[in-house]
Amino acid sequence: MTREGKKDGLLGTLDLLILRVLSTGEKHGYGIARRIEQVSSDVLSVQEGSLYPALHRLEKKSFIRSEWKPGDRGKPIKMYSLTNDGHIQLEEERTRWETISSAINVVLHKA
């Protein structure tokens, strides 16, 4: 696999996690990162330097949308939600991930 292919695979994994988190309802950036950490029992950590470029990329592809809303302290916060195309993409990415992870498990246990 080329270096570019490896990068795309990693980006796709983060995209999949973001789409999955947003499938449960709208969240702000920090809420998305925190939810990934919580669900993974703090094994996975998403840094701002990775999260926000991924959110912008997903928004540009129309898989998510954003909207400024009033925050708890009066300061507006950007909330993200999944679009219909995002729901479709989530299922495609989930299927791809399950196929890849299944193949990796076979190699790990039979090679």
C-alpha atoms as a PDB file:
ATOM      1  CA  MET A   1       0.000   0.000   0.000  1.00  0.00           C
ATOM      2  CA  THR A   2       1.326   3.407  -0.897  1.00  0.00           C
ATOM      3  CA  ARG A   3       1.864   6.105   1.683  1.00  0.00           C
ATOM      4  CA  GLU A   4      -1.153   7.986   0.251  1.00  0.00           C
ATOM      5  CA  GLY A   5      -3.302   4.838   0.527  1.00  0.00           C
ATOM      6  CA  LYS A   6      -2.368   4.454   4.190  1.00  0.00           C
ATOM      7  CA  LYS A   7      -3.296   8.078   4.846  1.00  0.00           C
ATOM      8  CA  ASP A   8      -6.669   7.640   3.124  1.00  0.00           C
ATOM      9  CA  GLY A   9      -7.364   4.543   5.218  1.00  0.00           C
ATOM     10  CA  LEU A  10      -6.697   6.401   8.440  1.00  0.00           C
ATOM     11  CA  LEU A  11      -8.803   9.356   7.340  1.00  0.00           C
ATOM     12  CA  GLY A  12     -11.612   6.978   6.412  1.00  0.00           C
ATOM     13  CA  THR A  13     -11.532   5.432   9.859  1.00  0.00           C
ATOM     14  CA  LEU A  14     -11.893   8.802  11.565  1.00  0.00           C
ATOM     15  CA  ASP A  15     -14.663   9.715   9.131  1.00  0.00           C
ATOM     16  CA  LEU A  16     -16.462   6.482  10.000  1.00  0.00           C
ATOM     17  CA  LEU A  17     -16.216   7.193  13.739  1.00  0.00           C
ATOM     18  CA  ILE A  18     -17.496  10.746  13.311  1.00  0.00           C
ATOM     19  CA  LEU A  19     -20.415   9.619  11.144  1.00  0.00           C
ATOM     20  CA  ARG A  20     -21.308   6.916  13.673  1.00  0.00           C
ATOM     21  CA  VAL A  21     -21.286   9.349  16.594  1.00  0.00           C
ATOM     22  CA  LEU A  22     -23.424  11.841  14.679  1.00  0.00           C
ATOM     23  CA  SER A  23     -25.909   9.098  13.767  1.00  0.00           C
ATOM     24  CA  THR A  24     -27.133   9.325  17.372  1.00  0.00           C
ATOM     25  CA  GLY A  25     -27.844  13.061  17.134  1.00  0.00           C
ATOM     26  CA  GLU A  26     -26.197  16.442  16.687  1.00  0.00           C
ATOM     27  CA  LYS A  27     -23.067  17.306  18.617  1.00  0.00           C
ATOM     28  CA  HIS A  28     -20.398  19.987  18.695  1.00  0.00           C
ATOM     29  CA  GLY A  29     -16.784  19.157  17.878  1.00  0.00           C
ATOM     30  CA  TYR A  30     -15.665  18.592  21.461  1.00  0.00           C
ATOM     31  CA  GLY A  31     -18.742  16.425  22.062  1.00  0.00           C
ATOM     32  CA  ILE A  32     -17.849  14.240  19.095  1.00  0.00           C
ATOM     33  CA  ALA A  33     -14.271  13.752  20.292  1.00  0.00           C
ATOM     34  CA  ARG A  34     -15.396  13.090  23.859  1.00  0.00           C
ATOM     35  CA  ARG A  35     -18.008  10.530  22.752  1.00  0.00           C
ATOM     36  CA  ILE A  36     -15.404   8.601  20.753  1.00  0.00           C
ATOM     37  CA  GLU A  37     -13.191   8.541  23.849  1.00  0.00           C
ATOM     38  CA  GLN A  38     -16.049   7.456  26.126  1.00  0.00           C
ATOM     39  CA  VAL A  39     -17.344   4.669  23.901  1.00  0.00           C
ATOM     40  CA  SER A  40     -13.822   3.339  23.298  1.00  0.00           C
ATOM     41  CA  SER A  41     -13.056   3.387  27.058  1.00  0.00           C
ATOM     42  CA  ASP A  42     -10.425   6.070  26.385  1.00  0.00           C
ATOM     43  CA  VAL A  43      -8.496   3.833  23.969  1.00  0.00           C
ATOM     44  CA  LEU A  44      -9.196   6.183  21.054  1.00  0.00           C
ATOM     45  CA  SER A  45      -8.403   9.865  21.319  1.00  0.00           C
ATOM     46  CA  VAL A  46      -9.174  12.403  18.609  1.00  0.00           C
ATOM     47  CA  GLN A  47      -7.111  15.571  18.637  1.00  0.00           C
ATOM     48  CA  GLU A  48      -8.406  18.917  17.338  1.00  0.00           C
ATOM     49  CA  GLY A  49      -5.780  18.874  14.585  1.00  0.00           C
ATOM     50  CA  SER A  50      -7.406  15.744  13.144  1.00  0.00           C
ATOM     51  CA  LEU A  51     -11.032  16.317  14.119  1.00  0.00           C
ATOM     52  CA  TYR A  52     -11.749  19.698  12.569  1.00  0.00           C
ATOM     53  CA  PRO A  53     -10.180  18.968   9.169  1.00  0.00           C
ATOM     54  CA  ALA A  54     -12.255  15.749   9.098  1.00  0.00           C
ATOM     55  CA  LEU A  55     -15.427  17.671   9.971  1.00  0.00           C
ATOM     56  CA  HIS A  56     -14.725  20.187   7.209  1.00  0.00           C
ATOM     57  CA  ARG A  57     -14.017  17.372   4.740  1.00  0.00           C
ATOM     58  CA  LEU A  58     -17.275  15.578   5.641  1.00  0.00           C
ATOM     59  CA  GLU A  59     -19.223  18.821   5.383  1.00  0.00           C
ATOM     60  CA  LYS A  60     -17.708  19.575   1.981  1.00  0.00           C
ATOM     61  CA  LYS A  61     -18.861  16.114   0.807  1.00  0.00           C
ATOM     62  CA  SER A  62     -22.376  16.884   2.173  1.00  0.00           C
ATOM     63  CA  PHE A  63     -22.254  13.961   4.632  1.00  0.00           C
ATOM     64  CA  ILE A  64     -22.734  16.328   7.570  1.00  0.00           C
ATOM     65  CA  ARG A  65     -24.071  19.850   8.039  1.00  0.00           C
ATOM     66  CA  SER A  66     -23.232  22.461  10.618  1.00  0.00           C
ATOM     67  CA  GLU A  67     -25.246  25.187  12.254  1.00  0.00           C
ATOM     68  CA  TRP A  68     -24.331  27.842  14.792  1.00  0.00           C
ATOM     69  CA  LYS A  69     -26.518  27.621  17.908  1.00  0.00           C
ATOM     70  CA  PRO A  70     -26.511  29.414  21.264  1.00  0.00           C
ATOM     71  CA  GLY A  71     -24.273  27.682  23.775  1.00  0.00           C
ATOM     72  CA  ASP A  72     -24.860  27.205  27.494  1.00  0.00           C
ATOM     73  CA  ARG A  73     -22.838  30.297  28.315  1.00  0.00           C
ATOM     74  CA  GLY A  74     -24.340  32.491  25.615  1.00  0.00           C
ATOM     75  CA  LYS A  75     -21.441  32.003  23.220  1.00  0.00           C
ATOM     76  CA  PRO A  76     -22.512  30.410  19.904  1.00  0.00           C
ATOM     77  CA  ILE A  77     -21.266  26.881  19.229  1.00  0.00           C
ATOM     78  CA  LYS A  78     -21.094  25.042  15.938  1.00  0.00           C
ATOM     79  CA  MET A  79     -23.284  21.948  16.000  1.00  0.00           C
ATOM     80  CA  TYR A  80     -22.864  19.117  13.496  1.00  0.00           C
ATOM     81  CA  SER A  81     -25.491  16.669  12.285  1.00  0.00           C
ATOM     82  CA  LEU A  82     -25.701  13.850   9.758  1.00  0.00           C
ATOM     83  CA  THR A  83     -27.369  14.386   6.378  1.00  0.00           C
ATOM     84  CA  ASN A  84     -29.280  11.741   4.416  1.00  0.00           C
ATOM     85  CA  ASP A  85     -26.165  11.236   2.293  1.00  0.00           C
ATOM     86  CA  GLY A  86     -24.219  10.878   5.536  1.00  0.00           C
ATOM     87  CA  HIS A  87     -26.480   8.035   6.700  1.00  0.00           C
ATOM     88  CA  ILE A  88     -25.875   6.252   3.387  1.00  0.00           C
ATOM     89  CA  GLN A  89     -22.124   6.858   3.627  1.00  0.00           C
ATOM     90  CA  LEU A  90     -22.086   5.550   7.196  1.00  0.00           C
ATOM     91  CA  GLU A  91     -23.563   2.232   6.085  1.00  0.00           C
ATOM     92  CA  GLU A  92     -21.129   1.963   3.170  1.00  0.00           C
ATOM     93  CA  GLU A  93     -18.160   2.752   5.423  1.00  0.00           C
ATOM     94  CA  ARG A  94     -19.404   0.363   8.123  1.00  0.00           C
ATOM     95  CA  THR A  95     -19.668  -2.476   5.574  1.00  0.00           C
ATOM     96  CA  ARG A  96     -16.174  -1.690   4.242  1.00  0.00           C
ATOM     97  CA  TRP A  97     -14.742  -1.611   7.770  1.00  0.00           C
ATOM     98  CA  GLU A  98     -16.384  -4.921   8.727  1.00  0.00           C
ATOM     99  CA  THR A  99     -14.969  -6.578   5.610  1.00  0.00           C
ATOM    100  CA  ILE A 100     -11.463  -5.238   6.248  1.00  0.00           C
ATOM    101  CA  SER A 101     -11.458  -6.004   9.983  1.00  0.00           C
ATOM    102  CA  SER A 102     -12.767  -9.519   9.348  1.00  0.00           C
ATOM    103  CA  ALA A 103      -9.956 -10.155   6.856  1.00  0.00           C
ATOM    104  CA  ILE A 104      -7.376  -8.795   9.298  1.00  0.00           C
ATOM    105  CA  ASN A 105      -8.722 -11.054  12.072  1.00  0.00           C
ATOM    106  CA  VAL A 106      -8.423 -14.085   9.803  1.00  0.00           C
ATOM    107  CA  VAL A 107      -4.797 -13.241   9.024  1.00  0.00           C
ATOM    108  CA  LEU A 108      -4.003 -12.609  12.695  1.00  0.00           C
ATOM    109  CA  HIS A 109      -5.423 -15.931  13.774  1.00  0.00           C
ATOM    110  CA  LYS A 110      -4.432 -18.183  10.864  1.00  0.00           C
ATOM    111  CA  ALA A 111      -1.156 -16.874   9.456  1.00  0.00           C
END
